C-alpha atoms as a PDB file:
ATOM      1  CA  MET A   1      -0.239   0.138  -0.133  1.00  0.00           C
ATOM      2  CA  SER A   2       1.488   3.221  -0.815  1.00  0.00           C
ATOM      3  CA  ARG A   3       1.774   6.183   1.670  1.00  0.00           C
ATOM      4  CA  LYS A   4      -0.632   9.193   1.647  1.00  0.00           C
ATOM      5  CA  ARG A   5       0.565  12.588   0.696  1.00  0.00           C
ATOM      6  CA  ASN A   6      -0.494  15.481   2.270  1.00  0.00           C
ATOM      7  CA  VAL A   7      -1.914  18.017  -0.050  1.00  0.00           C
ATOM      8  CA  ILE A   8      -2.407  21.471   1.573  1.00  0.00           C
ATOM      9  CA  ILE A   9      -5.079  24.208   0.557  1.00  0.00           C
ATOM     10  CA  ILE A  10      -4.365  27.659   1.168  1.00  0.00           C
ATOM     11  CA  GLY A  11      -5.757  30.749   0.129  1.00  0.00           C
ATOM     12  CA  GLN A  12      -7.232  33.979   1.663  1.00  0.00           C
ATOM     13  CA  SER A  13     -10.586  34.128   3.527  1.00  0.00           C
ATOM     14  CA  GLY A  14     -13.630  33.405   1.792  1.00  0.00           C
ATOM     15  CA  VAL A  15     -12.107  32.278  -1.525  1.00  0.00           C
ATOM     16  CA  GLY A  16     -13.345  28.750  -1.582  1.00  0.00           C
ATOM     17  CA  LYS A  17     -11.315  26.540   0.276  1.00  0.00           C
ATOM     18  CA  SER A  18     -13.678  24.538   2.104  1.00  0.00           C
ATOM     19  CA  SER A  19     -15.838  24.186  -0.792  1.00  0.00           C
ATOM     20  CA  LEU A  20     -12.961  22.837  -2.489  1.00  0.00           C
ATOM     21  CA  ILE A  21     -12.591  20.008   0.038  1.00  0.00           C
ATOM     22  CA  ASN A  22     -16.145  19.260   0.092  1.00  0.00           C
ATOM     23  CA  MET A  23     -15.871  18.809  -3.898  1.00  0.00           C
ATOM     24  CA  LEU A  24     -12.966  16.593  -3.815  1.00  0.00           C
ATOM     25  CA  CYS A  25     -13.748  14.577  -0.598  1.00  0.00           C
ATOM     26  CA  PRO A  26     -17.534  13.500  -0.227  1.00  0.00           C
ATOM     27  CA  GLY A  27     -18.675  13.388   2.967  1.00  0.00           C
ATOM     28  CA  ALA A  28     -16.191  15.882   4.360  1.00  0.00           C
ATOM     29  CA  LYS A  29     -18.908  18.424   5.475  1.00  0.00           C
ATOM     30  CA  ALA A  30     -15.838  21.239   5.838  1.00  0.00           C
ATOM     31  CA  ASP A  31     -17.805  24.240   7.027  1.00  0.00           C
ATOM     32  CA  THR A  32     -18.342  26.865   4.208  1.00  0.00           C
ATOM     33  CA  SER A  33     -19.892  30.471   4.046  1.00  0.00           C
ATOM     34  CA  ASN A  34     -21.172  32.704   1.399  1.00  0.00           C
ATOM     35  CA  ASP A  35     -19.383  35.598   3.673  1.00  0.00           C
ATOM     36  CA  THR A  36     -16.036  36.482   2.844  1.00  0.00           C
ATOM     37  CA  THR A  37     -15.181  36.302   6.477  1.00  0.00           C
ATOM     38  CA  GLY A  38     -13.300  32.787   7.355  1.00  0.00           C
ATOM     39  CA  CYS A  39     -15.364  30.035   9.084  1.00  0.00           C
ATOM     40  CA  THR A  40     -12.577  27.639   9.131  1.00  0.00           C
ATOM     41  CA  LYS A  41     -11.389  27.909  13.073  1.00  0.00           C
ATOM     42  CA  GLU A  42      -8.463  25.019  12.632  1.00  0.00           C
ATOM     43  CA  GLU A  43      -6.812  23.010  10.216  1.00  0.00           C
ATOM     44  CA  LYS A  44      -8.331  19.886   9.573  1.00  0.00           C
ATOM     45  CA  GLU A  45      -7.193  17.200   7.357  1.00  0.00           C
ATOM     46  CA  TYR A  46      -9.822  14.640   5.257  1.00  0.00           C
ATOM     47  CA  PRO A  47      -9.028  11.434   3.363  1.00  0.00           C
ATOM     48  CA  CYS A  48      -9.006  11.970  -0.622  1.00  0.00           C
ATOM     49  CA  ASP A  49      -9.246   9.213  -3.192  1.00  0.00           C
ATOM     50  CA  LEU A  50      -7.971  10.852  -6.389  1.00  0.00           C
ATOM     51  CA  GLY A  51      -9.044   7.560  -8.509  1.00  0.00           C
ATOM     52  CA  GLY A  52      -6.228   5.169  -8.143  1.00  0.00           C
ATOM     53  CA  GLN A  53      -3.990   7.267  -5.410  1.00  0.00           C
ATOM     54  CA  SER A  54      -5.058   8.336  -2.478  1.00  0.00           C
ATOM     55  CA  CYS A  55      -4.232  11.809  -0.067  1.00  0.00           C
ATOM     56  CA  ARG A  56      -5.038  13.687   2.811  1.00  0.00           C
ATOM     57  CA  VAL A  57      -6.090  16.930   1.720  1.00  0.00           C
ATOM     58  CA  HIS A  58      -5.803  19.672   4.586  1.00  0.00           C
ATOM     59  CA  ASP A  59      -8.215  22.490   4.870  1.00  0.00           C
ATOM     60  CA  THR A  60      -6.365  25.697   6.541  1.00  0.00           C
ATOM     61  CA  ILE A  61      -7.551  28.912   8.106  1.00  0.00           C
ATOM     62  CA  GLY A  62      -7.995  31.790   5.791  1.00  0.00           C
ATOM     63  CA  LEU A  63      -5.265  34.825   5.063  1.00  0.00           C
ATOM     64  CA  GLU A  64      -5.953  38.063   4.550  1.00  0.00           C
ATOM     65  CA  GLU A  65      -8.614  38.437   7.106  1.00  0.00           C
ATOM     66  CA  GLY A  66      -8.675  41.706   9.212  1.00  0.00           C
ATOM     67  CA  ARG A  67      -9.083  42.590  12.698  1.00  0.00           C
ATOM     68  CA  TRP A  68     -12.843  41.257  12.363  1.00  0.00           C
ATOM     69  CA  GLY A  69     -12.242  38.088  11.218  1.00  0.00           C
ATOM     70  CA  LEU A  70     -11.384  34.796  13.063  1.00  0.00           C
ATOM     71  CA  LEU A  71      -7.356  35.512  13.078  1.00  0.00           C
ATOM     72  CA  PRO A  72      -6.073  38.678  11.759  1.00  0.00           C
ATOM     73  CA  ASP A  73      -3.530  38.184   8.725  1.00  0.00           C
ATOM     74  CA  LYS A  74      -0.067  38.299  10.433  1.00  0.00           C
ATOM     75  CA  LYS A  75      -1.267  35.468  13.117  1.00  0.00           C
ATOM     76  CA  ALA A  76      -2.634  33.798  10.287  1.00  0.00           C
ATOM     77  CA  GLN A  77       0.652  33.573   8.334  1.00  0.00           C
ATOM     78  CA  LYS A  78       2.716  32.638  11.170  1.00  0.00           C
ATOM     79  CA  ARG A  79       0.301  29.849  12.117  1.00  0.00           C
ATOM     80  CA  LEU A  80      -0.013  28.901   8.240  1.00  0.00           C
ATOM     81  CA  LYS A  81       3.854  28.636   8.155  1.00  0.00           C
ATOM     82  CA  THR A  82       4.410  26.631  11.419  1.00  0.00           C
ATOM     83  CA  TYR A  83       1.386  24.235   9.867  1.00  0.00           C
ATOM     84  CA  LEU A  84       3.347  23.695   6.745  1.00  0.00           C
ATOM     85  CA  ARG A  85       6.807  23.019   8.700  1.00  0.00           C
ATOM     86  CA  THR A  86       4.821  20.346  10.779  1.00  0.00           C
ATOM     87  CA  LYS A  87       2.947  18.523   8.516  1.00  0.00           C
ATOM     88  CA  GLU A  88       5.549  17.792   5.656  1.00  0.00           C
ATOM     89  CA  PRO A  89       3.612  18.969   2.601  1.00  0.00           C
ATOM     90  CA  HIS A  90       4.055  16.927  -0.679  1.00  0.00           C
ATOM     91  CA  LEU A  91       1.438  19.659  -2.641  1.00  0.00           C
ATOM     92  CA  LEU A  92       0.697  23.221  -2.007  1.00  0.00           C
ATOM     93  CA  VAL A  93      -2.819  24.245  -3.575  1.00  0.00           C
ATOM     94  CA  TYR A  94      -2.852  28.226  -3.612  1.00  0.00           C
ATOM     95  CA  CYS A  95      -6.776  29.222  -4.249  1.00  0.00           C
ATOM     96  CA  MET A  96      -7.097  32.653  -5.783  1.00  0.00           C
ATOM     97  CA  PRO A  97     -10.586  34.222  -6.580  1.00  0.00           C
ATOM     98  CA  GLY A  98     -11.500  34.463 -10.410  1.00  0.00           C
ATOM     99  CA  ARG A  99     -13.193  37.658 -10.245  1.00  0.00           C
ATOM    100  CA  ARG A 100     -10.631  40.114 -11.622  1.00  0.00           C
ATOM    101  CA  SER A 101     -11.422  42.674  -9.662  1.00  0.00           C
ATOM    102  CA  CYS A 102     -10.641  40.723  -6.467  1.00  0.00           C
ATOM    103  CA  LEU A 103      -6.738  39.907  -8.003  1.00  0.00           C
ATOM    104  CA  LYS A 104      -4.330  41.778  -5.549  1.00  0.00           C
ATOM    105  CA  LYS A 105      -0.560  41.946  -5.025  1.00  0.00           C
ATOM    106  CA  SER A 106      -0.909  40.042  -2.021  1.00  0.00           C
ATOM    107  CA  HIS A 107      -1.919  37.142  -4.160  1.00  0.00           C
ATOM    108  CA  GLY A 108       1.477  37.117  -5.855  1.00  0.00           C
ATOM    109  CA  ARG A 109       3.261  37.772  -2.453  1.00  0.00           C
ATOM    110  CA  ASN A 110       1.496  35.074  -0.815  1.00  0.00           C
ATOM    111  CA  TYR A 111       2.352  32.650  -3.488  1.00  0.00           C
ATOM    112  CA  LYS A 112       5.950  33.538  -3.384  1.00  0.00           C
ATOM    113  CA  LYS A 113       6.092  33.611   0.504  1.00  0.00           C
ATOM    114  CA  PHE A 114       4.420  30.054   1.317  1.00  0.00           C
ATOM    115  CA  LYS A 115       6.435  28.532  -1.908  1.00  0.00           C
ATOM    116  CA  SER A 116       9.513  29.635   0.076  1.00  0.00           C
ATOM    117  CA  VAL A 117       8.465  27.947   3.135  1.00  0.00           C
ATOM    118  CA  VAL A 118       8.084  24.466   1.727  1.00  0.00           C
ATOM    119  CA  SER A 119      11.161  22.704   0.209  1.00  0.00           C
ATOM    120  CA  ASN A 120      12.149  23.271  -3.100  1.00  0.00           C
ATOM    121  CA  ASP A 121      10.783  19.747  -4.286  1.00  0.00           C
ATOM    122  CA  VAL A 122       7.102  20.613  -3.261  1.00  0.00           C
ATOM    123  CA  ARG A 123       5.012  22.238  -6.024  1.00  0.00           C
ATOM    124  CA  VAL A 124       2.618  24.790  -5.721  1.00  0.00           C
ATOM    125  CA  VAL A 125      -0.332  24.748  -7.911  1.00  0.00           C
ATOM    126  CA  VAL A 126      -3.173  27.370  -8.669  1.00  0.00           C
ATOM    127  CA  VAL A 127      -6.527  26.734  -8.186  1.00  0.00           C
ATOM    128  CA  ILE A 128      -8.914  29.771  -9.684  1.00  0.00           C
ATOM    129  CA  THR A 129     -12.398  29.695  -7.935  1.00  0.00           C
ATOM    130  CA  GLY A 130     -15.712  31.411  -8.096  1.00  0.00           C
ATOM    131  CA  LEU A 131     -15.934  30.935 -12.156  1.00  0.00           C
ATOM    132  CA  GLU A 132     -19.446  29.575 -12.144  1.00  0.00           C
ATOM    133  CA  ASN A 133     -20.382  32.826 -13.988  1.00  0.00           C
ATOM    134  CA  PHE A 134     -17.461  32.767 -16.260  1.00  0.00           C
ATOM    135  CA  GLU A 135     -18.904  33.870 -19.468  1.00  0.00           C
ATOM    136  CA  GLY A 136     -16.103  31.788 -21.706  1.00  0.00           C
ATOM    137  CA  LEU A 137     -17.044  28.274 -23.347  1.00  0.00           C
ATOM    138  CA  ASN A 138     -14.287  26.870 -21.168  1.00  0.00           C
ATOM    139  CA  LEU A 139     -13.129  27.771 -17.694  1.00  0.00           C
ATOM    140  CA  GLU A 140      -9.720  27.161 -18.520  1.00  0.00           C
ATOM    141  CA  ASP A 141      -9.845  30.321 -21.096  1.00  0.00           C
ATOM    142  CA  TRP A 142      -9.942  32.332 -17.931  1.00  0.00           C
ATOM    143  CA  TRP A 143      -6.016  31.848 -17.423  1.00  0.00           C
ATOM    144  CA  SER A 144      -5.317  32.863 -20.993  1.00  0.00           C
ATOM    145  CA  GLN A 145      -7.565  35.843 -20.765  1.00  0.00           C
ATOM    146  CA  ASN A 146      -5.631  37.087 -17.467  1.00  0.00           C
ATOM    147  CA  GLU A 147      -2.364  35.530 -17.980  1.00  0.00           C
ATOM    148  CA  LYS A 148      -0.583  38.805 -18.191  1.00  0.00           C
ATOM    149  CA  GLU A 149      -2.050  40.480 -14.884  1.00  0.00           C
ATOM    150  CA  LEU A 150      -1.203  36.857 -13.192  1.00  0.00           C
ATOM    151  CA  GLN A 151       2.216  37.181 -14.167  1.00  0.00           C
ATOM    152  CA  ASN A 152       2.381  40.886 -13.075  1.00  0.00           C
ATOM    153  CA  LEU A 153       1.464  39.701  -9.558  1.00  0.00           C
ATOM    154  CA  GLY A 154       4.198  37.128  -9.673  1.00  0.00           C
ATOM    155  CA  ILE A 155       2.275  33.888 -10.589  1.00  0.00           C
ATOM    156  CA  PRO A 156       4.337  32.301 -13.149  1.00  0.00           C
ATOM    157  CA  LYS A 157       2.769  31.575 -16.843  1.00  0.00           C
ATOM    158  CA  THR A 158       3.765  27.837 -16.243  1.00  0.00           C
ATOM    159  CA  ALA A 159       2.513  27.391 -12.848  1.00  0.00           C
ATOM    160  CA  GLY A 160       0.233  24.225 -12.632  1.00  0.00           C
ATOM    161  CA  HIS A 161      -3.517  25.385 -12.267  1.00  0.00           C
ATOM    162  CA  ALA A 162      -7.040  24.557 -12.835  1.00  0.00           C
ATOM    163  CA  CYS A 163      -9.783  27.326 -13.415  1.00  0.00           C
ATOM    164  CA  ILE A 164     -13.017  25.893 -11.514  1.00  0.00           C
ATOM    165  CA  THR A 165     -16.152  26.584  -9.627  1.00  0.00           C
ATOM    166  CA  ALA A 166     -16.656  24.818  -6.287  1.00  0.00           C
ATOM    167  CA  LEU A 167     -20.018  26.143  -5.584  1.00  0.00           C
ATOM    168  CA  PRO A 168     -22.228  22.861  -4.676  1.00  0.00           C
ATOM    169  CA  LYS A 169     -23.957  21.606  -7.399  1.00  0.00           C
ATOM    170  CA  ALA A 170     -27.410  21.903  -6.055  1.00  0.00           C
ATOM    171  CA  GLU A 171     -26.542  25.756  -6.321  1.00  0.00           C
ATOM    172  CA  LEU A 172     -25.407  26.354  -9.739  1.00  0.00           C
ATOM    173  CA  GLU A 173     -28.233  26.830 -12.620  1.00  0.00           C
ATOM    174  CA  SER A 174     -29.079  23.769 -14.465  1.00  0.00           C
ATOM    175  CA  ARG A 175     -27.311  24.489 -17.623  1.00  0.00           C
ATOM    176  CA  LYS A 176     -24.139  24.973 -15.413  1.00  0.00           C
ATOM    177  CA  LYS A 177     -24.489  21.725 -13.438  1.00  0.00           C
ATOM    178  CA  TYR A 178     -21.759  20.220 -15.400  1.00  0.00           C
ATOM    179  CA  LEU A 179     -18.957  22.470 -14.416  1.00  0.00           C
ATOM    180  CA  TYR A 180     -19.211  21.081 -10.843  1.00  0.00           C
ATOM    181  CA  ASP A 181     -18.127  17.589 -12.315  1.00  0.00           C
ATOM    182  CA  LYS A 182     -15.453  18.886 -14.800  1.00  0.00           C
ATOM    183  CA  SER A 183     -13.860  21.029 -12.052  1.00  0.00           C
ATOM    184  CA  CYS A 184     -13.645  18.216  -9.583  1.00  0.00           C
ATOM    185  CA  GLU A 185     -12.187  16.136 -12.490  1.00  0.00           C
ATOM    186  CA  ASP A 186      -9.892  18.859 -13.339  1.00  0.00           C
ATOM    187  CA  VAL A 187      -8.499  19.360  -9.676  1.00  0.00           C
ATOM    188  CA  LYS A 188      -8.292  15.809  -8.956  1.00  0.00           C
ATOM    189  CA  THR A 189      -5.985  15.420 -12.236  1.00  0.00           C
ATOM    190  CA  LEU A 190      -3.844  18.433 -11.176  1.00  0.00           C
ATOM    191  CA  ILE A 191      -3.073  17.232  -7.867  1.00  0.00           C
ATOM    192  CA  LYS A 192      -2.232  13.812  -9.454  1.00  0.00           C
ATOM    193  CA  SER A 193       0.213  14.976 -12.033  1.00  0.00           C
ATOM    194  CA  ASN A 194       2.111  17.142  -9.351  1.00  0.00           C
ATOM    195  CA  LEU A 195       2.367  14.778  -6.366  1.00  0.00           C
ATOM    196  CA  PRO A 196       5.700  13.428  -6.166  1.00  0.00           C
ATOM    197  CA  ARG A 197       5.648   9.635  -7.748  1.00  0.00           C
END
């Protein structure tokens, strides 16, 4: 039996990390909220079947919360750094919002900062969330349409990525329900192809 790998999901509060966990790990029941204030109070890991390969997917507290949130940003960053050092990650999944108006310089800083916390052999991939209202035919088109802005933020053009919706299938319009299954498949493929052998 192969050893399970640690896949740690990171990103700002309200970006959809817990929704992503629920999509990848049926039965996880990670707390979610429609609010930008975080609802994940502590880190938690869930078993995940990637189809022929398994891993432990870790939900983490959100970054960039102000004083009103569960944990102010500086404390959240310190806590996440400590968590990463103790959990021996095999892959970091950095979640970012897909609304162009929400892309900030701090996304690039956080990407670089947490990439530097893990060893050089740990890959960092990007999952763009919240694309249920994207007008393109393929959610992947979001990446090419925003590639220049992502590079300006410090996200490499070559970063492994998936462009998704993690909104529960029941909440999607009937004509968009297929996006949920496609998004789940795309993220599982991204994880499998970036975990060390």
